[in-house]
Structures are given as C-alpha cells and as structure tokens.
Amino acid sequence: MTDMKKDHETNSDLPRAVGLRRILKWFYAACAIVVLLDLVIHRHIYHPWESLLFFYCVFGFVACVFLVVAAKWMRKLLMRSEDYYDGY
C-alpha cells in the first residue's frame, strides 16, 4: 500500500516538472536569441562603455547583486525586534 502511495505522489508531480522543463527551455532559447541579437543589432551608444560586448548583461547582473546586498544591509539597519508591538 505504501508503494502505491509513493508512486501516486511522484506521478502527481510529473506534469508540473514537465511544464517547468518546457518553460525553462523557452527561457533559455529567449536568452540565446537576445545574446545573438546583441551581436547583430547596431546600438546607438551614448557612453563609450556601451560599445563593450555584453555591457548591458554585465551591468544588469552587477546592479541586481548590488540591490540584494543593499537590501540585506538595510534589513539589519531597519528591522525591529520581535517584541516591538508587545507593549500595545
């Protein structure tokens, strides 16, 4: 009986995993297309750094990392103690 239950639990997750794999394949394909377009499309640059290959990819990644680190720092700075509202 327990084997049947295990099979049922794993089979119920199968459609979700297949859908996730399909979404990830489309996502990776879109990323590859964007990278290829970055090599082909002419960009109107305003700053010399923008002419570097994959500048916007690197800039976006660094900006996201900076936002995560800043959010962790702000959480330590702004977080209140657990018993902050206990006095009310």
Protein backbone atom coordinates (compact mmCIF):
# COMPACT_ATOMS: atom_id res chain seq x y z
CA MET A 1 0.00 0.00 0.00
CA THR A 2 2.82 2.43 0.79
CA ASP A 3 4.48 1.72 -2.58
CA MET A 4 1.27 2.63 -4.33
CA LYS A 5 1.09 5.88 -2.39
CA LYS A 6 4.69 6.76 -3.30
CA ASP A 7 4.00 6.09 -6.99
CA HIS A 8 0.92 8.29 -6.84
CA GLU A 9 2.84 11.14 -5.18
CA THR A 10 5.66 11.05 -7.72
CA ASN A 11 3.24 10.79 -10.65
CA SER A 12 1.30 13.82 -9.45
CA ASP A 13 4.49 15.91 -9.60
CA LEU A 14 5.34 14.71 -13.11
CA PRO A 15 3.12 17.15 -15.08
CA ARG A 16 4.46 20.05 -13.03
CA ALA A 17 8.07 19.01 -13.74
CA VAL A 18 7.38 18.61 -17.46
CA GLY A 19 5.77 22.06 -17.59
CA LEU A 20 8.69 23.58 -15.72
CA ARG A 21 11.17 21.99 -18.10
CA ARG A 22 9.22 23.37 -21.06
CA ILE A 23 9.21 26.87 -19.56
CA LEU A 24 12.95 26.68 -18.85
CA LYS A 25 13.65 25.57 -22.44
CA TRP A 26 11.72 28.59 -23.77
CA PHE A 27 13.53 30.85 -21.32
CA TYR A 28 16.96 29.57 -22.37
CA ALA A 29 16.00 29.91 -26.04
CA ALA A 30 14.93 33.52 -25.44
CA CYS A 31 18.23 34.24 -23.66
CA ALA A 32 20.19 32.78 -26.58
CA ILE A 33 18.20 34.88 -29.05
CA VAL A 34 18.88 38.04 -27.06
CA VAL A 35 22.61 37.26 -26.94
CA LEU A 36 22.69 36.67 -30.69
CA LEU A 37 20.76 39.88 -31.33
CA ASP A 38 23.27 41.77 -29.19
CA LEU A 39 25.96 40.66 -31.63
CA VAL A 40 23.98 41.67 -34.73
CA ILE A 41 21.90 44.77 -33.96
CA HIS A 42 23.51 48.20 -34.18
CA ARG A 43 23.11 50.16 -30.95
CA HIS A 44 23.12 53.94 -30.62
CA ILE A 45 25.59 54.46 -27.80
CA TYR A 46 25.87 57.49 -25.58
CA HIS A 47 28.78 56.36 -23.45
CA PRO A 48 31.94 54.54 -24.61
CA TRP A 49 31.28 51.66 -22.18
CA GLU A 50 28.09 50.81 -24.05
CA SER A 51 30.17 49.69 -27.03
CA LEU A 52 31.62 46.81 -24.97
CA LEU A 53 30.30 43.38 -25.82
CA PHE A 54 27.53 42.26 -23.40
CA PHE A 55 27.76 45.51 -21.44
CA TYR A 56 24.07 45.53 -20.56
CA CYS A 57 24.14 41.91 -19.38
CA VAL A 58 27.05 42.57 -17.04
CA PHE A 59 25.61 45.88 -15.90
CA GLY A 60 22.24 44.30 -15.11
CA PHE A 61 23.84 41.44 -13.18
CA VAL A 62 26.02 43.78 -11.13
CA ALA A 63 23.04 46.03 -10.42
CA CYS A 64 20.96 43.06 -9.19
CA VAL A 65 23.77 41.84 -6.95
CA PHE A 66 24.14 45.36 -5.56
CA LEU A 67 20.40 45.56 -4.84
CA VAL A 68 20.45 42.25 -2.96
CA VAL A 69 23.45 43.25 -0.87
CA ALA A 70 21.93 46.68 -0.15
CA ALA A 71 18.62 45.06 0.87
CA LYS A 72 20.42 42.74 3.31
CA TRP A 73 22.23 45.72 4.81
CA MET A 74 19.01 47.74 5.05
CA ARG A 75 17.24 44.82 6.72
CA LYS A 76 19.83 44.78 9.51
CA LEU A 77 19.57 48.54 9.85
CA LEU A 78 15.77 48.88 9.78
CA MET A 79 14.49 45.62 11.29
CA ARG A 80 12.70 45.89 14.61
CA SER A 81 12.87 43.38 17.41
CA GLU A 82 10.31 40.58 17.64
CA ASP A 83 8.62 42.06 20.71
CA TYR A 84 8.27 45.56 19.24
CA TYR A 85 4.45 45.50 19.33
CA ASP A 86 4.07 43.57 22.61
CA GLY A 87 3.62 46.74 24.66
CA TYR A 88 0.36 47.66 22.91
